[in-house]
Amino acid sequence: MAAAIRLDSPGPVVYRQTRVGEGGRLFELINFRTMVVNAEADTGPVLATAHDPRITRVGRLLRALRLDELPQLINVLRGEMSLVGPRPERPEFVEQFRKTIPGYDLRHLVKPGITGLAQIRGRYDTPAEDKLRYDVAYVFLWSALLDLKIMLQTFGIMLTPERARGATELVTARASTQGKSAGRASPS
C-alpha cells in the first residue's frame, strides 16, 4: 500500500491532522495520505466532496475500500479513539458546525471511532446535519451489540466497493415520507 501511495503521487505515505475527540480534546489523527500534497494550500480547510479533484487515484481506491483509515489503529491503541464511534472532525469545522447545528457537541460525549453509524449509513458527502443525527443516535443507543453490527457492516462495505459510496437512507426515508404525505388527501 505504501509503495502504491508513493508511486501515485510524491509526498509522505501517512499524514497527521488535528481532530477533536472525546470531551472536545484535540489529538493528532493518523491516516494514509489520499490527497495531493498541500491540497489546501490555496483554499484553506475545505471538506472533501464525492468527486474531489484533490484526491489521488490510489487515494480514491483507499477511500472506497476504507483502507485509508487503517493507521488510526495507532490512535485506538493510544486511547484517543475507539473502533466504533462518531468520526472525529477537524477543529475548524467543529467551530463552524457548533454555530450552525444545534447539539453538535453531543457527538463529543464518547470517543471518536474509525467507523461509525454515519459511515455505514451515509457517504463522504452526506451533510453534517445528517451525520450528526446518526452520531447522536449512536451515542444514546450505544451497546456492544450495536458496535458489533457496525463493524460487520463496515467489513461488508469494504468487501463490496460499490457499497463504499454509502447510502443516503435518511434522505431517502425523508423523501419517501414527504411523498406519501403529499399524496394523501386531508380528512374532511
C-alpha atoms as a PDB file:
ATOM      1  CA  MET A   1       0.000   0.000   0.000  1.00  0.00           C
ATOM      2  CA  ALA A   2       2.779   2.401   0.950  1.00  0.00           C
ATOM      3  CA  ALA A   3       4.524   1.806  -2.384  1.00  0.00           C
ATOM      4  CA  ALA A   4       1.314   2.460  -4.321  1.00  0.00           C
ATOM      5  CA  ILE A   5       0.768   5.752  -2.479  1.00  0.00           C
ATOM      6  CA  ARG A   6       4.362   6.833  -3.201  1.00  0.00           C
ATOM      7  CA  LEU A   7       4.244   5.816  -6.860  1.00  0.00           C
ATOM      8  CA  ASP A   8       0.916   7.564  -7.440  1.00  0.00           C
ATOM      9  CA  SER A   9       1.984  10.968  -6.129  1.00  0.00           C
ATOM     10  CA  PRO A  10       5.036  12.439  -4.422  1.00  0.00           C
ATOM     11  CA  GLY A  11       4.911  13.019  -0.683  1.00  0.00           C
ATOM     12  CA  PRO A  12       4.611  11.131   2.577  1.00  0.00           C
ATOM     13  CA  VAL A  13       2.662   7.879   2.866  1.00  0.00           C
ATOM     14  CA  VAL A  14       0.864   8.919   6.051  1.00  0.00           C
ATOM     15  CA  TYR A  15      -0.209  12.277   7.326  1.00  0.00           C
ATOM     16  CA  ARG A  16      -1.276  13.629  10.682  1.00  0.00           C
ATOM     17  CA  GLN A  17      -4.111  16.039  11.169  1.00  0.00           C
ATOM     18  CA  THR A  18      -5.531  17.664  14.296  1.00  0.00           C
ATOM     19  CA  ARG A  19      -9.001  16.410  15.175  1.00  0.00           C
ATOM     20  CA  VAL A  20     -11.475  16.938  18.000  1.00  0.00           C
ATOM     21  CA  GLY A  21     -12.092  13.928  20.228  1.00  0.00           C
ATOM     22  CA  GLU A  22     -13.980  12.991  23.353  1.00  0.00           C
ATOM     23  CA  GLY A  23     -14.733  15.946  25.598  1.00  0.00           C
ATOM     24  CA  GLY A  24     -13.533  18.351  22.896  1.00  0.00           C
ATOM     25  CA  ARG A  25      -9.869  17.325  23.393  1.00  0.00           C
ATOM     26  CA  LEU A  26      -7.555  17.721  20.407  1.00  0.00           C
ATOM     27  CA  PHE A  27      -5.423  14.851  19.111  1.00  0.00           C
ATOM     28  CA  GLU A  28      -3.384  14.026  16.012  1.00  0.00           C
ATOM     29  CA  LEU A  29      -5.233  11.607  13.719  1.00  0.00           C
ATOM     30  CA  ILE A  30      -3.024   9.338  11.591  1.00  0.00           C
ATOM     31  CA  ASN A  31      -4.196   8.418   8.083  1.00  0.00           C
ATOM     32  CA  PHE A  32      -2.805   7.110   4.827  1.00  0.00           C
ATOM     33  CA  ARG A  33      -2.467  10.108   2.501  1.00  0.00           C
ATOM     34  CA  THR A  34      -5.198  10.100  -0.148  1.00  0.00           C
ATOM     35  CA  MET A  35      -4.833  13.656  -1.460  1.00  0.00           C
ATOM     36  CA  VAL A  36      -2.114  15.519  -3.259  1.00  0.00           C
ATOM     37  CA  VAL A  37       0.458  17.185  -1.013  1.00  0.00           C
ATOM     38  CA  ASN A  38      -0.611  20.672   0.146  1.00  0.00           C
ATOM     39  CA  ALA A  39      -4.160  20.027  -1.082  1.00  0.00           C
ATOM     40  CA  GLU A  40      -5.466  23.026   0.856  1.00  0.00           C
ATOM     41  CA  ALA A  41      -2.608  25.434   0.197  1.00  0.00           C
ATOM     42  CA  ASP A  42      -4.799  27.690  -1.956  1.00  0.00           C
ATOM     43  CA  THR A  43      -8.135  27.182  -0.229  1.00  0.00           C
ATOM     44  CA  GLY A  44      -7.516  26.592   3.463  1.00  0.00           C
ATOM     45  CA  PRO A  45      -9.574  23.906   5.224  1.00  0.00           C
ATOM     46  CA  VAL A  46     -12.234  22.518   2.907  1.00  0.00           C
ATOM     47  CA  LEU A  47     -14.453  19.474   3.380  1.00  0.00           C
ATOM     48  CA  ALA A  48     -13.843  16.665   0.897  1.00  0.00           C
ATOM     49  CA  THR A  49     -16.526  16.049  -1.709  1.00  0.00           C
ATOM     50  CA  ALA A  50     -17.548  12.893  -3.586  1.00  0.00           C
ATOM     51  CA  HIS A  51     -15.571  13.791  -6.750  1.00  0.00           C
ATOM     52  CA  ASP A  52     -12.872  15.918  -5.124  1.00  0.00           C
ATOM     53  CA  PRO A  53     -10.092  16.637  -7.666  1.00  0.00           C
ATOM     54  CA  ARG A  54      -7.501  16.740  -4.856  1.00  0.00           C
ATOM     55  CA  ILE A  55      -7.868  13.003  -4.231  1.00  0.00           C
ATOM     56  CA  THR A  56      -5.208  10.864  -5.917  1.00  0.00           C
ATOM     57  CA  ARG A  57      -6.006   7.745  -7.977  1.00  0.00           C
ATOM     58  CA  VAL A  58      -4.718   5.436  -5.239  1.00  0.00           C
ATOM     59  CA  GLY A  59      -6.465   7.666  -2.704  1.00  0.00           C
ATOM     60  CA  ARG A  60      -9.823   7.028  -4.398  1.00  0.00           C
ATOM     61  CA  LEU A  61      -9.306   3.289  -4.112  1.00  0.00           C
ATOM     62  CA  LEU A  62      -8.146   3.511  -0.496  1.00  0.00           C
ATOM     63  CA  ARG A  63     -11.174   5.636   0.411  1.00  0.00           C
ATOM     64  CA  ALA A  64     -13.593   3.372  -1.463  1.00  0.00           C
ATOM     65  CA  LEU A  65     -12.295   0.355   0.472  1.00  0.00           C
ATOM     66  CA  ARG A  66     -11.930   2.370   3.718  1.00  0.00           C
ATOM     67  CA  LEU A  67      -8.266   1.347   3.896  1.00  0.00           C
ATOM     68  CA  ASP A  68      -7.054   4.938   4.271  1.00  0.00           C
ATOM     69  CA  GLU A  69      -8.125   4.745   7.913  1.00  0.00           C
ATOM     70  CA  LEU A  70      -6.039   1.705   8.934  1.00  0.00           C
ATOM     71  CA  PRO A  71      -3.283   3.801  10.587  1.00  0.00           C
ATOM     72  CA  GLN A  72      -5.927   5.057  13.015  1.00  0.00           C
ATOM     73  CA  LEU A  73      -5.473   1.755  14.856  1.00  0.00           C
ATOM     74  CA  ILE A  74      -2.484   3.566  16.390  1.00  0.00           C
ATOM     75  CA  ASN A  75      -4.908   6.243  17.669  1.00  0.00           C
ATOM     76  CA  VAL A  76      -7.045   3.441  19.149  1.00  0.00           C
ATOM     77  CA  LEU A  77      -4.023   1.909  20.901  1.00  0.00           C
ATOM     78  CA  ARG A  78      -3.144   5.352  22.311  1.00  0.00           C
ATOM     79  CA  GLY A  79      -6.660   5.660  23.758  1.00  0.00           C
ATOM     80  CA  GLU A  80      -7.561   8.673  21.585  1.00  0.00           C
ATOM     81  CA  MET A  81     -10.120   6.771  19.522  1.00  0.00           C
ATOM     82  CA  SER A  82     -12.312   3.704  19.599  1.00  0.00           C
ATOM     83  CA  LEU A  83     -13.004   1.229  16.812  1.00  0.00           C
ATOM     84  CA  VAL A  84     -16.612   2.485  16.601  1.00  0.00           C
ATOM     85  CA  GLY A  85     -17.957   5.960  17.318  1.00  0.00           C
ATOM     86  CA  PRO A  86     -18.581   9.296  15.618  1.00  0.00           C
ATOM     87  CA  ARG A  87     -15.814  10.191  13.165  1.00  0.00           C
ATOM     88  CA  PRO A  88     -13.519  12.883  14.579  1.00  0.00           C
ATOM     89  CA  GLU A  89     -13.739  16.211  12.803  1.00  0.00           C
ATOM     90  CA  ARG A  90     -11.218  19.000  12.292  1.00  0.00           C
ATOM     91  CA  PRO A  91     -11.339  21.909  14.790  1.00  0.00           C
ATOM     92  CA  GLU A  92     -12.089  24.441  12.039  1.00  0.00           C
ATOM     93  CA  PHE A  93     -15.221  22.551  11.030  1.00  0.00           C
ATOM     94  CA  VAL A  94     -16.261  21.790  14.614  1.00  0.00           C
ATOM     95  CA  GLU A  95     -16.341  25.542  15.331  1.00  0.00           C
ATOM     96  CA  GLN A  96     -18.399  26.146  12.200  1.00  0.00           C
ATOM     97  CA  PHE A  97     -20.840  23.290  12.952  1.00  0.00           C
ATOM     98  CA  ARG A  98     -21.241  24.368  16.590  1.00  0.00           C
ATOM     99  CA  LYS A  99     -22.565  27.718  15.364  1.00  0.00           C
ATOM    100  CA  THR A 100     -24.973  26.302  12.809  1.00  0.00           C
ATOM    101  CA  ILE A 101     -26.066  22.852  14.063  1.00  0.00           C
ATOM    102  CA  PRO A 102     -27.802  22.696  17.456  1.00  0.00           C
ATOM    103  CA  GLY A 103     -26.494  19.874  19.654  1.00  0.00           C
ATOM    104  CA  TYR A 104     -23.339  19.319  17.624  1.00  0.00           C
ATOM    105  CA  ASP A 105     -21.231  18.780  20.761  1.00  0.00           C
ATOM    106  CA  LEU A 106     -23.307  15.737  21.767  1.00  0.00           C
ATOM    107  CA  ARG A 107     -21.071  13.710  19.459  1.00  0.00           C
ATOM    108  CA  HIS A 108     -18.110  14.537  21.732  1.00  0.00           C
ATOM    109  CA  LEU A 109     -19.631  12.658  24.681  1.00  0.00           C
ATOM    110  CA  VAL A 110     -17.845   9.480  23.511  1.00  0.00           C
ATOM    111  CA  LYS A 111     -14.514   8.647  21.908  1.00  0.00           C
ATOM    112  CA  PRO A 112     -14.468   9.094  18.157  1.00  0.00           C
ATOM    113  CA  GLY A 113     -14.262   5.944  16.074  1.00  0.00           C
ATOM    114  CA  ILE A 114     -12.578   4.593  12.981  1.00  0.00           C
ATOM    115  CA  THR A 115     -16.037   3.661  11.745  1.00  0.00           C
ATOM    116  CA  GLY A 116     -19.476   4.628  12.878  1.00  0.00           C
ATOM    117  CA  LEU A 117     -23.161   4.688  12.123  1.00  0.00           C
ATOM    118  CA  ALA A 118     -22.789   7.756   9.893  1.00  0.00           C
ATOM    119  CA  GLN A 119     -20.110   5.959   7.858  1.00  0.00           C
ATOM    120  CA  ILE A 120     -22.222   2.884   7.138  1.00  0.00           C
ATOM    121  CA  ARG A 121     -25.437   4.814   6.539  1.00  0.00           C
ATOM    122  CA  GLY A 122     -24.022   7.853   4.751  1.00  0.00           C
ATOM    123  CA  ARG A 123     -21.134   8.691   2.472  1.00  0.00           C
ATOM    124  CA  TYR A 124     -18.296  11.206   2.320  1.00  0.00           C
ATOM    125  CA  ASP A 125     -20.598  13.961   1.093  1.00  0.00           C
ATOM    126  CA  THR A 126     -23.524  13.330   3.472  1.00  0.00           C
ATOM    127  CA  PRO A 127     -24.437  16.712   5.041  1.00  0.00           C
ATOM    128  CA  ALA A 128     -23.075  17.333   8.551  1.00  0.00           C
ATOM    129  CA  GLU A 129     -26.618  17.677   9.935  1.00  0.00           C
ATOM    130  CA  ASP A 130     -27.489  14.150   8.778  1.00  0.00           C
ATOM    131  CA  LYS A 131     -24.187  12.723  10.039  1.00  0.00           C
ATOM    132  CA  LEU A 132     -24.936  14.317  13.413  1.00  0.00           C
ATOM    133  CA  ARG A 133     -28.302  12.536  13.566  1.00  0.00           C
ATOM    134  CA  TYR A 134     -26.517   9.207  13.137  1.00  0.00           C
ATOM    135  CA  ASP A 135     -23.820  10.199  15.658  1.00  0.00           C
ATOM    136  CA  VAL A 136     -26.352  11.238  18.313  1.00  0.00           C
ATOM    137  CA  ALA A 137     -28.358   8.060  17.727  1.00  0.00           C
ATOM    138  CA  TYR A 138     -25.155   6.078  18.259  1.00  0.00           C
ATOM    139  CA  VAL A 139     -24.275   7.958  21.469  1.00  0.00           C
ATOM    140  CA  PHE A 140     -27.692   7.383  23.026  1.00  0.00           C
ATOM    141  CA  LEU A 141     -28.339   3.860  21.692  1.00  0.00           C
ATOM    142  CA  TRP A 142     -24.832   2.506  22.310  1.00  0.00           C
ATOM    143  CA  SER A 143     -24.423  -1.161  23.090  1.00  0.00           C
ATOM    144  CA  ALA A 144     -21.746  -3.765  22.445  1.00  0.00           C
ATOM    145  CA  LEU A 145     -24.177  -5.393  20.002  1.00  0.00           C
ATOM    146  CA  LEU A 146     -24.558  -2.113  18.088  1.00  0.00           C
ATOM    147  CA  ASP A 147     -20.750  -1.816  17.855  1.00  0.00           C
ATOM    148  CA  LEU A 148     -20.543  -5.376  16.532  1.00  0.00           C
ATOM    149  CA  LYS A 149     -23.246  -4.699  13.918  1.00  0.00           C
ATOM    150  CA  ILE A 150     -21.492  -1.525  12.765  1.00  0.00           C
ATOM    151  CA  MET A 151     -18.128  -3.323  12.483  1.00  0.00           C
ATOM    152  CA  LEU A 152     -19.682  -6.181  10.485  1.00  0.00           C
ATOM    153  CA  GLN A 153     -21.437  -3.740   8.162  1.00  0.00           C
ATOM    154  CA  THR A 154     -18.155  -1.829   7.752  1.00  0.00           C
ATOM    155  CA  PHE A 155     -16.425  -5.031   6.623  1.00  0.00           C
ATOM    156  CA  GLY A 156     -19.290  -5.619   4.194  1.00  0.00           C
ATOM    157  CA  ILE A 157     -18.743  -2.168   2.725  1.00  0.00           C
ATOM    158  CA  MET A 158     -15.006  -2.792   2.450  1.00  0.00           C
ATOM    159  CA  LEU A 159     -15.624  -6.061   0.581  1.00  0.00           C
ATOM    160  CA  THR A 160     -18.093  -4.542  -1.875  1.00  0.00           C
ATOM    161  CA  PRO A 161     -16.595  -1.332  -3.299  1.00  0.00           C
ATOM    162  CA  GLU A 162     -19.878  -0.216  -4.881  1.00  0.00           C
ATOM    163  CA  ARG A 163     -21.367  -0.064  -1.349  1.00  0.00           C
ATOM    164  CA  ALA A 164     -18.434   2.035  -0.164  1.00  0.00           C
ATOM    165  CA  ARG A 165     -20.144   5.061  -1.672  1.00  0.00           C
ATOM    166  CA  GLY A 166     -22.729   4.599   1.053  1.00  0.00           C
ATOM    167  CA  ALA A 167     -26.418   5.179   1.019  1.00  0.00           C
ATOM    168  CA  THR A 168     -28.393   8.210   1.946  1.00  0.00           C
ATOM    169  CA  GLU A 169     -31.059   6.254   3.788  1.00  0.00           C
ATOM    170  CA  LEU A 170     -32.004   9.200   5.969  1.00  0.00           C
ATOM    171  CA  VAL A 171     -32.570  11.473   2.973  1.00  0.00           C
ATOM    172  CA  THR A 172     -34.353   8.685   1.064  1.00  0.00           C
ATOM    173  CA  ALA A 173     -36.587   7.986   4.058  1.00  0.00           C
ATOM    174  CA  ARG A 174     -37.433  11.690   4.342  1.00  0.00           C
ATOM    175  CA  ALA A 175     -38.275  11.944   0.642  1.00  0.00           C
ATOM    176  CA  SER A 176     -40.413   8.811   0.848  1.00  0.00           C
ATOM    177  CA  THR A 177     -42.291  10.121   3.893  1.00  0.00           C
ATOM    178  CA  GLN A 178     -42.806  13.529   2.296  1.00  0.00           C
ATOM    179  CA  GLY A 179     -44.013  11.887  -0.918  1.00  0.00           C
ATOM    180  CA  LYS A 180     -46.569   9.768   0.957  1.00  0.00           C
ATOM    181  CA  SER A 181     -47.888  12.682   2.987  1.00  0.00           C
ATOM    182  CA  ALA A 182     -48.049  14.903  -0.112  1.00  0.00           C
ATOM    183  CA  GLY A 183     -50.171  12.311  -1.921  1.00  0.00           C
ATOM    184  CA  ARG A 184     -52.717  11.903   0.903  1.00  0.00           C
ATOM    185  CA  ALA A 185     -55.928  13.833   0.935  1.00  0.00           C
ATOM    186  CA  SER A 186     -56.631  15.588   4.180  1.00  0.00           C
ATOM    187  CA  PRO A 187     -59.623  14.239   6.081  1.00  0.00           C
ATOM    188  CA  SER A 188     -62.720  16.427   5.833  1.00  0.00           C
END
